[in-house]
Amino acid sequence: TGQKHGVHVAFGQPFGADVASVDEVASRLNQQIASGYVLHP
């Protein structure tokens, strides 16, 4: 119910098979989520 003002939802690139470990998947998720995050005033 609270006010949110602007909201942005960014979808990243689907993962392929070029990952070799759990940590690599987590790292790529962090990178894409950070790069897709839209800053507000």
Full PDB file with SEQRES, HELIX, SHEET, SSBOND, CRYST1, ORIGX, SCALE, CONECT and MASTER records, all heavy atoms in Angstrom:
SEQRES   1 A   41  THR GLY GLN LYS HIS GLY VAL HIS VAL ALA PHE GLY GLN          
SEQRES   2 A   41  PRO PHE GLY ALA ASP VAL ALA SER VAL ASP GLU VAL ALA          
SEQRES   3 A   41  SER ARG LEU ASN GLN GLN ILE ALA SER GLY TYR VAL LEU          
SEQRES   4 A   41  HIS PRO                                                      
HELIX    1 AA1 VAL A   22  GLY A   36  1                                  15    
CRYST1    1.000    1.000    1.000  90.00  90.00  90.00 P 1           1          
ORIGX1      1.000000  0.000000  0.000000        0.00000                         
ORIGX2      0.000000  1.000000  0.000000        0.00000                         
ORIGX3      0.000000  0.000000  1.000000        0.00000                         
SCALE1      1.000000  0.000000  0.000000        0.00000                         
SCALE2      0.000000  1.000000  0.000000        0.00000                         
SCALE3      0.000000  0.000000  1.000000        0.00000                         
ATOM      1  N   THR A   1       0.806  -1.234   0.000  1.00  0.00           N  
ATOM      2  CA  THR A   1       0.000   0.000   0.000  1.00  0.00           C  
ATOM      3  C   THR A   1       0.833   1.275   0.000  1.00  0.00           C  
ATOM      4  O   THR A   1       0.314   2.346  -0.322  1.00  0.00           O  
ATOM      5  CB  THR A   1      -0.928   0.020   1.222  1.00  0.00           C  
ATOM      6  OG1 THR A   1      -0.128  -0.001   2.425  1.00  0.00           O  
ATOM      7  CG2 THR A   1      -1.857  -1.190   1.218  1.00  0.00           C  
ATOM      8  N   GLY A   2       2.126   1.187   0.352  1.00  0.00           N  
ATOM      9  CA  GLY A   2       2.942   2.393   0.464  1.00  0.00           C  
ATOM     10  C   GLY A   2       3.344   2.973  -0.874  1.00  0.00           C  
ATOM     11  O   GLY A   2       3.375   2.291  -1.908  1.00  0.00           O  
ATOM     12  N   GLN A   3       3.690   4.261  -0.860  1.00  0.00           N  
ATOM     13  CA  GLN A   3       4.102   4.957  -2.078  1.00  0.00           C  
ATOM     14  C   GLN A   3       5.505   4.516  -2.521  1.00  0.00           C  
ATOM     15  O   GLN A   3       6.423   4.439  -1.718  1.00  0.00           O  
ATOM     16  CB  GLN A   3       4.087   6.467  -1.842  1.00  0.00           C  
ATOM     17  CG  GLN A   3       2.682   7.059  -1.702  1.00  0.00           C  
ATOM     18  CD  GLN A   3       1.859   6.875  -2.972  1.00  0.00           C  
ATOM     19  OE1 GLN A   3       2.325   7.148  -4.079  1.00  0.00           O  
ATOM     20  NE2 GLN A   3       0.629   6.425  -2.805  1.00  0.00           N  
ATOM     21  N   LYS A   4       5.637   4.256  -3.835  1.00  0.00           N  
ATOM     22  CA  LYS A   4       6.905   3.815  -4.402  1.00  0.00           C  
ATOM     23  C   LYS A   4       7.444   4.791  -5.440  1.00  0.00           C  
ATOM     24  O   LYS A   4       8.622   4.737  -5.792  1.00  0.00           O  
ATOM     25  CB  LYS A   4       6.725   2.440  -5.043  1.00  0.00           C  
ATOM     26  CG  LYS A   4       6.173   1.405  -4.063  1.00  0.00           C  
ATOM     27  CD  LYS A   4       5.488   0.267  -4.794  1.00  0.00           C  
ATOM     28  CE  LYS A   4       4.718  -0.625  -3.850  1.00  0.00           C  
ATOM     29  NZ  LYS A   4       3.459  -0.020  -3.367  1.00  0.00           N  
ATOM     30  N   HIS A   5       6.576   5.650  -5.973  1.00  0.00           N  
ATOM     31  CA  HIS A   5       6.923   6.567  -7.066  1.00  0.00           C  
ATOM     32  C   HIS A   5       7.453   5.759  -8.248  1.00  0.00           C  
ATOM     33  O   HIS A   5       6.829   4.809  -8.674  1.00  0.00           O  
ATOM     34  CB  HIS A   5       7.878   7.642  -6.580  1.00  0.00           C  
ATOM     35  CG  HIS A   5       7.185   8.683  -5.743  1.00  0.00           C  
ATOM     36  ND1 HIS A   5       7.652   9.963  -5.588  1.00  0.00           N  
ATOM     37  CD2 HIS A   5       6.043   8.632  -5.018  1.00  0.00           C  
ATOM     38  CE1 HIS A   5       6.841  10.654  -4.811  1.00  0.00           C  
ATOM     39  NE2 HIS A   5       5.853   9.845  -4.447  1.00  0.00           N  
ATOM     40  N   GLY A   6       8.621   6.085  -8.786  1.00  0.00           N  
ATOM     41  CA  GLY A   6       9.101   5.369  -9.960  1.00  0.00           C  
ATOM     42  C   GLY A   6       9.618   3.978  -9.627  1.00  0.00           C  
ATOM     43  O   GLY A   6      10.322   3.790  -8.650  1.00  0.00           O  
ATOM     44  N   VAL A   7       9.262   3.013 -10.473  1.00  0.00           N  
ATOM     45  CA  VAL A   7       9.747   1.635 -10.327  1.00  0.00           C  
ATOM     46  C   VAL A   7      10.256   1.176 -11.694  1.00  0.00           C  
ATOM     47  O   VAL A   7       9.586   1.393 -12.711  1.00  0.00           O  
ATOM     48  CB  VAL A   7       8.638   0.678  -9.847  1.00  0.00           C  
ATOM     49  CG1 VAL A   7       9.162  -0.753  -9.748  1.00  0.00           C  
ATOM     50  CG2 VAL A   7       8.072   1.137  -8.505  1.00  0.00           C  
ATOM     51  N   HIS A   8      11.436   0.576 -11.708  1.00  0.00           N  
ATOM     52  CA  HIS A   8      11.962   0.030 -12.964  1.00  0.00           C  
ATOM     53  C   HIS A   8      12.311  -1.434 -12.773  1.00  0.00           C  
ATOM     54  O   HIS A   8      12.897  -1.821 -11.754  1.00  0.00           O  
ATOM     55  CB  HIS A   8      13.212   0.781 -13.421  1.00  0.00           C  
ATOM     56  CG  HIS A   8      13.679   0.348 -14.785  1.00  0.00           C  
ATOM     57  ND1 HIS A   8      13.129   0.847 -15.944  1.00  0.00           N  
ATOM     58  CD2 HIS A   8      14.625  -0.548 -15.169  1.00  0.00           C  
ATOM     59  CE1 HIS A   8      13.717   0.293 -16.986  1.00  0.00           C  
ATOM     60  NE2 HIS A   8      14.625  -0.569 -16.541  1.00  0.00           N  
ATOM     61  N   VAL A   9      11.940  -2.256 -13.760  1.00  0.00           N  
ATOM     62  CA  VAL A   9      12.270  -3.680 -13.768  1.00  0.00           C  
ATOM     63  C   VAL A   9      13.102  -3.956 -15.011  1.00  0.00           C  
ATOM     64  O   VAL A   9      12.633  -3.774 -16.133  1.00  0.00           O  
ATOM     65  CB  VAL A   9      11.006  -4.560 -13.769  1.00  0.00           C  
ATOM     66  CG1 VAL A   9      11.388  -6.040 -13.794  1.00  0.00           C  
ATOM     67  CG2 VAL A   9      10.139  -4.257 -12.543  1.00  0.00           C  
ATOM     68  N   ALA A  10      14.359  -4.393 -14.801  1.00  0.00           N  
ATOM     69  CA  ALA A  10      15.277  -4.664 -15.902  1.00  0.00           C  
ATOM     70  C   ALA A  10      15.533  -6.165 -15.997  1.00  0.00           C  
ATOM     71  O   ALA A  10      15.899  -6.805 -15.008  1.00  0.00           O  
ATOM     72  CB  ALA A  10      16.588  -3.921 -15.701  1.00  0.00           C  
ATOM     73  N   PHE A  11      15.343  -6.709 -17.190  1.00  0.00           N  
ATOM     74  CA  PHE A  11      15.604  -8.128 -17.446  1.00  0.00           C  
ATOM     75  C   PHE A  11      16.965  -8.257 -18.117  1.00  0.00           C  
ATOM     76  O   PHE A  11      17.255  -7.587 -19.105  1.00  0.00           O  
ATOM     77  CB  PHE A  11      14.518  -8.724 -18.342  1.00  0.00           C  
ATOM     78  CG  PHE A  11      13.157  -8.725 -17.723  1.00  0.00           C  
ATOM     79  CD1 PHE A  11      12.304  -7.630 -17.866  1.00  0.00           C  
ATOM     80  CD2 PHE A  11      12.720  -9.802 -16.974  1.00  0.00           C  
ATOM     81  CE1 PHE A  11      11.043  -7.620 -17.286  1.00  0.00           C  
ATOM     82  CE2 PHE A  11      11.458  -9.795 -16.382  1.00  0.00           C  
ATOM     83  CZ  PHE A  11      10.624  -8.704 -16.538  1.00  0.00           C  
ATOM     84  N   GLY A  12      17.810  -9.140 -17.570  1.00  0.00           N  
ATOM     85  CA  GLY A  12      19.148  -9.327 -18.111  1.00  0.00           C  
ATOM     86  C   GLY A  12      19.185 -10.356 -19.225  1.00  0.00           C  
ATOM     87  O   GLY A  12      18.152 -10.849 -19.695  1.00  0.00           O  
ATOM     88  N   GLN A  13      20.388 -10.704 -19.619  1.00  0.00           N  
ATOM     89  CA  GLN A  13      20.602 -11.695 -20.678  1.00  0.00           C  
ATOM     90  C   GLN A  13      20.478 -13.110 -20.111  1.00  0.00           C  
ATOM     91  O   GLN A  13      21.067 -13.410 -19.076  1.00  0.00           O  
ATOM     92  CB  GLN A  13      21.994 -11.519 -21.274  1.00  0.00           C  
ATOM     93  CG  GLN A  13      22.201 -10.214 -22.016  1.00  0.00           C  
ATOM     94  CD  GLN A  13      21.752 -10.297 -23.463  1.00  0.00           C  
ATOM     95  OE1 GLN A  13      21.256 -11.322 -23.914  1.00  0.00           O  
ATOM     96  NE2 GLN A  13      21.946  -9.211 -24.200  1.00  0.00           N  
ATOM     97  N   PRO A  14      19.731 -13.996 -20.777  1.00  0.00           N  
ATOM     98  CA  PRO A  14      19.655 -15.386 -20.317  1.00  0.00           C  
ATOM     99  C   PRO A  14      21.029 -16.035 -20.280  1.00  0.00           C  
ATOM    100  O   PRO A  14      21.872 -15.775 -21.138  1.00  0.00           O  
ATOM    101  CB  PRO A  14      18.757 -16.053 -21.368  1.00  0.00           C  
ATOM    102  CG  PRO A  14      17.975 -14.932 -21.987  1.00  0.00           C  
ATOM    103  CD  PRO A  14      18.896 -13.749 -21.973  1.00  0.00           C  
ATOM    104  N   PHE A  15      21.237 -16.890 -19.278  1.00  0.00           N  
ATOM    105  CA  PHE A  15      22.516 -17.581 -19.137  1.00  0.00           C  
ATOM    106  C   PHE A  15      22.629 -18.695 -20.174  1.00  0.00           C  
ATOM    107  O   PHE A  15      21.659 -19.395 -20.484  1.00  0.00           O  
ATOM    108  CB  PHE A  15      22.642 -18.194 -17.743  1.00  0.00           C  
ATOM    109  CG  PHE A  15      23.075 -17.228 -16.686  1.00  0.00           C  
ATOM    110  CD1 PHE A  15      22.735 -15.893 -16.751  1.00  0.00           C  
ATOM    111  CD2 PHE A  15      23.818 -17.666 -15.607  1.00  0.00           C  
ATOM    112  CE1 PHE A  15      23.134 -14.997 -15.765  1.00  0.00           C  
ATOM    113  CE2 PHE A  15      24.226 -16.784 -14.612  1.00  0.00           C  
ATOM    114  CZ  PHE A  15      23.874 -15.445 -14.694  1.00  0.00           C  
ATOM    115  N   GLY A  16      23.854 -18.879 -20.663  1.00  0.00           N  
ATOM    116  CA  GLY A  16      24.147 -20.012 -21.519  1.00  0.00           C  
ATOM    117  C   GLY A  16      24.885 -21.083 -20.741  1.00  0.00           C  
ATOM    118  O   GLY A  16      24.835 -21.126 -19.513  1.00  0.00           O  
ATOM    119  N   ALA A  17      25.619 -21.936 -21.474  1.00  0.00           N  
ATOM    120  CA  ALA A  17      26.328 -23.054 -20.841  1.00  0.00           C  
ATOM    121  C   ALA A  17      27.756 -22.699 -20.453  1.00  0.00           C  
ATOM    122  O   ALA A  17      28.486 -23.559 -19.946  1.00  0.00           O  
ATOM    123  CB  ALA A  17      26.331 -24.251 -21.786  1.00  0.00           C  
ATOM    124  N   ASP A  18      28.145 -21.443 -20.668  1.00  0.00           N  
ATOM    125  CA  ASP A  18      29.544 -21.059 -20.444  1.00  0.00           C  
ATOM    126  C   ASP A  18      29.828 -20.667 -19.005  1.00  0.00           C  
ATOM    127  O   ASP A  18      30.456 -19.646 -18.719  1.00  0.00           O  
ATOM    128  CB  ASP A  18      29.930 -19.917 -21.387  1.00  0.00           C  
ATOM    129  CG  ASP A  18      29.049 -18.698 -21.220  1.00  0.00           C  
ATOM    130  OD1 ASP A  18      27.897 -18.849 -20.768  1.00  0.00           O  
ATOM    131  OD2 ASP A  18      29.503 -17.579 -21.550  1.00  0.00           O  
ATOM    132  N   VAL A  19      29.336 -21.452 -18.067  1.00  0.00           N  
ATOM    133  CA  VAL A  19      29.643 -21.264 -16.647  1.00  0.00           C  
ATOM    134  C   VAL A  19      30.101 -22.607 -16.097  1.00  0.00           C  
ATOM    135  O   VAL A  19      29.583 -23.654 -16.482  1.00  0.00           O  
ATOM    136  CB  VAL A  19      28.426 -20.744 -15.849  1.00  0.00           C  
ATOM    137  CG1 VAL A  19      28.144 -19.291 -16.160  1.00  0.00           C  
ATOM    138  CG2 VAL A  19      27.189 -21.601 -16.107  1.00  0.00           C  
ATOM    139  N   ALA A  20      31.066 -22.552 -15.185  1.00  0.00           N  
ATOM    140  CA  ALA A  20      31.682 -23.800 -14.730  1.00  0.00           C  
ATOM    141  C   ALA A  20      31.483 -24.094 -13.253  1.00  0.00           C  
ATOM    142  O   ALA A  20      31.833 -25.178 -12.788  1.00  0.00           O  
ATOM    143  CB  ALA A  20      33.181 -23.772 -15.046  1.00  0.00           C  
ATOM    144  N   SER A  21      30.923 -23.120 -12.495  1.00  0.00           N  
ATOM    145  CA  SER A  21      30.819 -23.338 -11.052  1.00  0.00           C  
ATOM    146  C   SER A  21      29.682 -22.522 -10.456  1.00  0.00           C  
ATOM    147  O   SER A  21      29.181 -21.574 -11.078  1.00  0.00           O  
ATOM    148  CB  SER A  21      32.127 -22.945 -10.362  1.00  0.00           C  
ATOM    149  OG  SER A  21      32.324 -21.538 -10.427  1.00  0.00           O  
ATOM    150  N   VAL A  22      29.330 -22.891  -9.252  1.00  0.00           N  
ATOM    151  CA  VAL A  22      28.315 -22.152  -8.500  1.00  0.00           C  
ATOM    152  C   VAL A  22      28.739 -20.703  -8.314  1.00  0.00           C  
ATOM    153  O   VAL A  22      27.944 -19.778  -8.508  1.00  0.00           O  
ATOM    154  CB  VAL A  22      28.085 -22.842  -7.131  1.00  0.00           C  
ATOM    155  CG1 VAL A  22      27.336 -21.912  -6.177  1.00  0.00           C  
ATOM    156  CG2 VAL A  22      27.315 -24.140  -7.311  1.00  0.00           C  
ATOM    157  N   ASP A  23      29.980 -20.492  -7.926  1.00  0.00           N  
ATOM    158  CA  ASP A  23      30.461 -19.134  -7.679  1.00  0.00           C  
ATOM    159  C   ASP A  23      30.438 -18.282  -8.945  1.00  0.00           C  
ATOM    160  O   ASP A  23      30.168 -17.075  -8.884  1.00  0.00           O  
ATOM    161  CB  ASP A  23      31.876 -19.169  -7.101  1.00  0.00           C  
ATOM    162  CG  ASP A  23      31.908 -19.630  -5.650  1.00  0.00           C  
ATOM    163  OD1 ASP A  23      30.844 -19.575  -5.006  1.00  0.00           O  
ATOM    164  OD2 ASP A  23      32.970 -20.048  -5.184  1.00  0.00           O  
ATOM    165  N   GLU A  24      30.697 -18.895 -10.095  1.00  0.00           N  
ATOM    166  CA  GLU A  24      30.665 -18.136 -11.346  1.00  0.00           C  
ATOM    167  C   GLU A  24      29.241 -17.699 -11.677  1.00  0.00           C  
ATOM    168  O   GLU A  24      29.016 -16.573 -12.128  1.00  0.00           O  
ATOM    169  CB  GLU A  24      31.249 -18.950 -12.491  1.00  0.00           C  
ATOM    170  CG  GLU A  24      31.380 -18.142 -13.784  1.00  0.00           C  
ATOM    171  CD  GLU A  24      32.051 -18.910 -14.905  1.00  0.00           C  
ATOM    172  OE1 GLU A  24      32.520 -20.048 -14.659  1.00  0.00           O  
ATOM    173  OE2 GLU A  24      32.103 -18.379 -16.033  1.00  0.00           O  
ATOM    174  N   VAL A  25      28.278 -18.579 -11.450  1.00  0.00           N  
ATOM    175  CA  VAL A  25      26.876 -18.205 -11.677  1.00  0.00           C  
ATOM    176  C   VAL A  25      26.483 -17.060 -10.753  1.00  0.00           C  
ATOM    177  O   VAL A  25      25.872 -16.074 -11.185  1.00  0.00           O  
ATOM    178  CB  VAL A  25      25.943 -19.415 -11.458  1.00  0.00           C  
ATOM    179  CG1 VAL A  25      24.478 -18.980 -11.552  1.00  0.00           C  
ATOM    180  CG2 VAL A  25      26.227 -20.505 -12.482  1.00  0.00           C  
ATOM    181  N   ALA A  26      26.838 -17.166  -9.466  1.00  0.00           N  
ATOM    182  CA  ALA A  26      26.505 -16.112  -8.505  1.00  0.00           C  
ATOM    183  C   ALA A  26      27.162 -14.794  -8.901  1.00  0.00           C  
ATOM    184  O   ALA A  26      26.539 -13.728  -8.827  1.00  0.00           O  
ATOM    185  CB  ALA A  26      26.949 -16.524  -7.102  1.00  0.00           C  
ATOM    186  N   SER A  27      28.418 -14.845  -9.332  1.00  0.00           N  
ATOM    187  CA  SER A  27      29.124 -13.631  -9.731  1.00  0.00           C  
ATOM    188  C   SER A  27      28.467 -12.971 -10.938  1.00  0.00           C  
ATOM    189  O   SER A  27      28.306 -11.744 -10.983  1.00  0.00           O  
ATOM    190  CB  SER A  27      30.590 -13.974 -10.043  1.00  0.00           C  
ATOM    191  OG  SER A  27      31.287 -12.819 -10.477  1.00  0.00           O  
ATOM    192  N   ARG A  28      28.069 -13.762 -11.917  1.00  0.00           N  
ATOM    193  CA  ARG A  28      27.418 -13.193 -13.103  1.00  0.00           C  
ATOM    194  C   ARG A  28      26.060 -12.601 -12.759  1.00  0.00           C  
ATOM    195  O   ARG A  28      25.666 -11.572 -13.320  1.00  0.00           O  
ATOM    196  CB  ARG A  28      27.279 -14.260 -14.184  1.00  0.00           C  
ATOM    197  CG  ARG A  28      28.591 -14.636 -14.839  1.00  0.00           C  
ATOM    198  CD  ARG A  28      28.330 -15.287 -16.175  1.00  0.00           C  
ATOM    199  NE  ARG A  28      29.555 -15.806 -16.754  1.00  0.00           N  
ATOM    200  CZ  ARG A  28      29.616 -16.379 -17.951  1.00  0.00           C  
ATOM    201  NH1 ARG A  28      28.518 -16.505 -18.677  1.00  0.00           N  
ATOM    202  NH2 ARG A  28      30.759 -16.826 -18.426  1.00  0.00           N  
ATOM    203  N   LEU A  29      25.361 -13.258 -11.866  1.00  0.00           N  
ATOM    204  CA  LEU A  29      24.087 -12.688 -11.408  1.00  0.00           C  
ATOM    205  C   LEU A  29      24.322 -11.326 -10.766  1.00  0.00           C  
ATOM    206  O   LEU A  29      23.608 -10.349 -11.057  1.00  0.00           O  
ATOM    207  CB  LEU A  29      23.406 -13.629 -10.414  1.00  0.00           C  
ATOM    208  CG  LEU A  29      22.632 -14.806 -10.998  1.00  0.00           C  
ATOM    209  CD1 LEU A  29      22.308 -15.818  -9.904  1.00  0.00           C  
ATOM    210  CD2 LEU A  29      21.345 -14.335 -11.671  1.00  0.00           C  
ATOM    211  N   ASN A  30      25.314 -11.248  -9.885  1.00  0.00           N  
ATOM    212  CA  ASN A  30      25.623  -9.972  -9.231  1.00  0.00           C  
ATOM    213  C   ASN A  30      25.936  -8.891 -10.253  1.00  0.00           C  
ATOM    214  O   ASN A  30      25.462  -7.753 -10.147  1.00  0.00           O  
ATOM    215  CB  ASN A  30      26.811 -10.143  -8.281  1.00  0.00           C  
ATOM    216  CG  ASN A  30      26.488 -11.009  -7.087  1.00  0.00           C  
ATOM    217  OD1 ASN A  30      25.321 -11.224  -6.760  1.00  0.00           O  
ATOM    218  ND2 ASN A  30      27.510 -11.506  -6.425  1.00  0.00           N  
ATOM    219  N   GLN A  31      26.742  -9.226 -11.251  1.00  0.00           N  
ATOM    220  CA  GLN A  31      27.144  -8.254 -12.260  1.00  0.00           C  
ATOM    221  C   GLN A  31      25.961  -7.755 -13.071  1.00  0.00           C  
ATOM    222  O   GLN A  31      25.801  -6.546 -13.297  1.00  0.00           O  
ATOM    223  CB  GLN A  31      28.199  -8.874 -13.186  1.00  0.00           C  
ATOM    224  CG  GLN A  31      29.541  -9.143 -12.520  1.00  0.00           C  
ATOM    225  CD  GLN A  31      30.443 -10.028 -13.359  1.00  0.00           C  
ATOM    226  OE1 GLN A  31      30.132 -10.359 -14.503  1.00  0.00           O  
ATOM    227  NE2 GLN A  31      31.565 -10.441 -12.777  1.00  0.00           N  
ATOM    228  N   GLN A  32      25.105  -8.692 -13.517  1.00  0.00           N  
ATOM    229  CA  GLN A  32      23.963  -8.280 -14.353  1.00  0.00           C  
ATOM    230  C   GLN A  32      22.926  -7.517 -13.538  1.00  0.00           C  
ATOM    231  O   GLN A  32      22.348  -6.539 -14.018  1.00  0.00           O  
ATOM    232  CB  GLN A  32      23.329  -9.492 -15.022  1.00  0.00           C  
ATOM    233  CG  GLN A  32      24.124 -10.038 -16.187  1.00  0.00           C  
ATOM    234  CD  GLN A  32      23.232 -10.701 -17.231  1.00  0.00           C  
ATOM    235  OE1 GLN A  32      22.166 -10.194 -17.588  1.00  0.00           O  
ATOM    236  NE2 GLN A  32      23.662 -11.855 -17.717  1.00  0.00           N  
ATOM    237  N   ILE A  33      22.698  -7.942 -12.315  1.00  0.00           N  
ATOM    238  CA  ILE A  33      21.712  -7.240 -11.481  1.00  0.00           C  
ATOM    239  C   ILE A  33      22.205  -5.831 -11.169  1.00  0.00           C  
ATOM    240  O   ILE A  33      21.431  -4.864 -11.225  1.00  0.00           O  
ATOM    241  CB  ILE A  33      21.421  -8.051 -10.202  1.00  0.00           C  
ATOM    242  CG1 ILE A  33      20.592  -9.292 -10.558  1.00  0.00           C  
ATOM    243  CG2 ILE A  33      20.675  -7.195  -9.169  1.00  0.00           C  
ATOM    244  CD1 ILE A  33      20.374 -10.256  -9.417  1.00  0.00           C  
ATOM    245  N   ALA A  34      23.494  -5.689 -10.877  1.00  0.00           N  
ATOM    246  CA  ALA A  34      24.046  -4.362 -10.600  1.00  0.00           C  
ATOM    247  C   ALA A  34      24.011  -3.464 -11.831  1.00  0.00           C  
ATOM    248  O   ALA A  34      23.638  -2.284 -11.754  1.00  0.00           O  
ATOM    249  CB  ALA A  34      25.479  -4.489 -10.088  1.00  0.00           C  
ATOM    250  N   SER A  35      24.363  -4.015 -12.993  1.00  0.00           N  
ATOM    251  CA  SER A  35      24.393  -3.191 -14.201  1.00  0.00           C  
ATOM    252  C   SER A  35      22.996  -2.828 -14.685  1.00  0.00           C  
ATOM    253  O   SER A  35      22.809  -1.795 -15.338  1.00  0.00           O  
ATOM    254  CB  SER A  35      25.155  -3.917 -15.317  1.00  0.00           C  
ATOM    255  OG  SER A  35      24.483  -5.118 -15.698  1.00  0.00           O  
ATOM    256  N   GLY A  36      22.002  -3.657 -14.358  1.00  0.00           N  
ATOM    257  CA  GLY A  36      20.632  -3.362 -14.771  1.00  0.00           C  
ATOM    258  C   GLY A  36      19.875  -2.456 -13.815  1.00  0.00           C  
ATOM    259  O   GLY A  36      18.796  -1.973 -14.137  1.00  0.00           O  
ATOM    260  N   TYR A  37      20.454  -2.218 -12.627  1.00  0.00           N  
ATOM    261  CA  TYR A  37      19.769  -1.429 -11.608  1.00  0.00           C  
ATOM    262  C   TYR A  37      19.679   0.037 -12.052  1.00  0.00           C  
ATOM    263  O   TYR A  37      20.682   0.649 -12.406  1.00  0.00           O  
ATOM    264  CB  TYR A  37      20.508  -1.524 -10.275  1.00  0.00           C  
ATOM    265  CG  TYR A  37      19.710  -1.033  -9.101  1.00  0.00           C  
ATOM    266  CD1 TYR A  37      18.952  -1.912  -8.338  1.00  0.00           C  
ATOM    267  CD2 TYR A  37      19.704   0.317  -8.753  1.00  0.00           C  
ATOM    268  CE1 TYR A  37      18.215  -1.471  -7.254  1.00  0.00           C  
ATOM    269  CE2 TYR A  37      18.971   0.769  -7.672  1.00  0.00           C  
ATOM    270  CZ  TYR A  37      18.228  -0.130  -6.929  1.00  0.00           C  
ATOM    271  OH  TYR A  37      17.492   0.326  -5.861  1.00  0.00           O  
ATOM    272  N   VAL A  38      18.487   0.587 -12.043  1.00  0.00           N  
ATOM    273  CA  VAL A  38      18.264   1.987 -12.443  1.00  0.00           C  
ATOM    274  C   VAL A  38      18.233   2.870 -11.202  1.00  0.00           C  
ATOM    275  O   VAL A  38      17.413   2.667 -10.300  1.00  0.00           O  
ATOM    276  CB  VAL A  38      16.949   2.120 -13.232  1.00  0.00           C  
ATOM    277  CG1 VAL A  38      16.541   3.577 -13.360  1.00  0.00           C  
ATOM    278  CG2 VAL A  38      17.107   1.503 -14.616  1.00  0.00           C  
ATOM    279  N   LEU A  39      19.142   3.825 -11.139  1.00  0.00           N  
ATOM    280  CA  LEU A  39      19.167   4.777 -10.028  1.00  0.00           C  
ATOM    281  C   LEU A  39      18.052   5.804 -10.172  1.00  0.00           C  
ATOM    282  O   LEU A  39      17.696   6.201 -11.283  1.00  0.00           O  
ATOM    283  CB  LEU A  39      20.517   5.491  -9.971  1.00  0.00           C  
ATOM    284  CG  LEU A  39      21.739   4.618  -9.676  1.00  0.00           C  
ATOM    285  CD1 LEU A  39      23.008   5.455  -9.760  1.00  0.00           C  
ATOM    286  CD2 LEU A  39      21.621   3.954  -8.315  1.00  0.00           C  
ATOM    287  N   HIS A  40      17.527   6.236  -9.039  1.00  0.00           N  
ATOM    288  CA  HIS A  40      16.508   7.280  -8.979  1.00  0.00           C  
ATOM    289  C   HIS A  40      17.103   8.509  -8.294  1.00  0.00           C  
ATOM    290  O   HIS A  40      18.140   8.410  -7.611  1.00  0.00           O  
ATOM    291  CB  HIS A  40      15.285   6.782  -8.205  1.00  0.00           C  
ATOM    292  CG  HIS A  40      14.601   5.610  -8.840  1.00  0.00           C  
ATOM    293  ND1 HIS A  40      13.719   5.751  -9.879  1.00  0.00           N  
ATOM    294  CD2 HIS A  40      14.682   4.280  -8.583  1.00  0.00           C  
ATOM    295  CE1 HIS A  40      13.258   4.559 -10.245  1.00  0.00           C  
ATOM    296  NE2 HIS A  40      13.838   3.652  -9.469  1.00  0.00           N  
ATOM    297  N   PRO A  41      16.474   9.673  -8.439  1.00  0.00           N  
ATOM    298  CA  PRO A  41      16.971  10.858  -7.730  1.00  0.00           C  
ATOM    299  C   PRO A  41      17.135  10.634  -6.232  1.00  0.00           C  
ATOM    300  O   PRO A  41      18.073  11.157  -5.628  1.00  0.00           O  
ATOM    301  CB  PRO A  41      15.903  11.916  -8.033  1.00  0.00           C  
ATOM    302  CG  PRO A  41      15.362  11.517  -9.367  1.00  0.00           C  
ATOM    303  CD  PRO A  41      15.358  10.008  -9.362  1.00  0.00           C  
TER     304      PRO A  41                                                      
MASTER        0    0    0    1    0    0    0    6  303    1    0    4          
END                                                                             
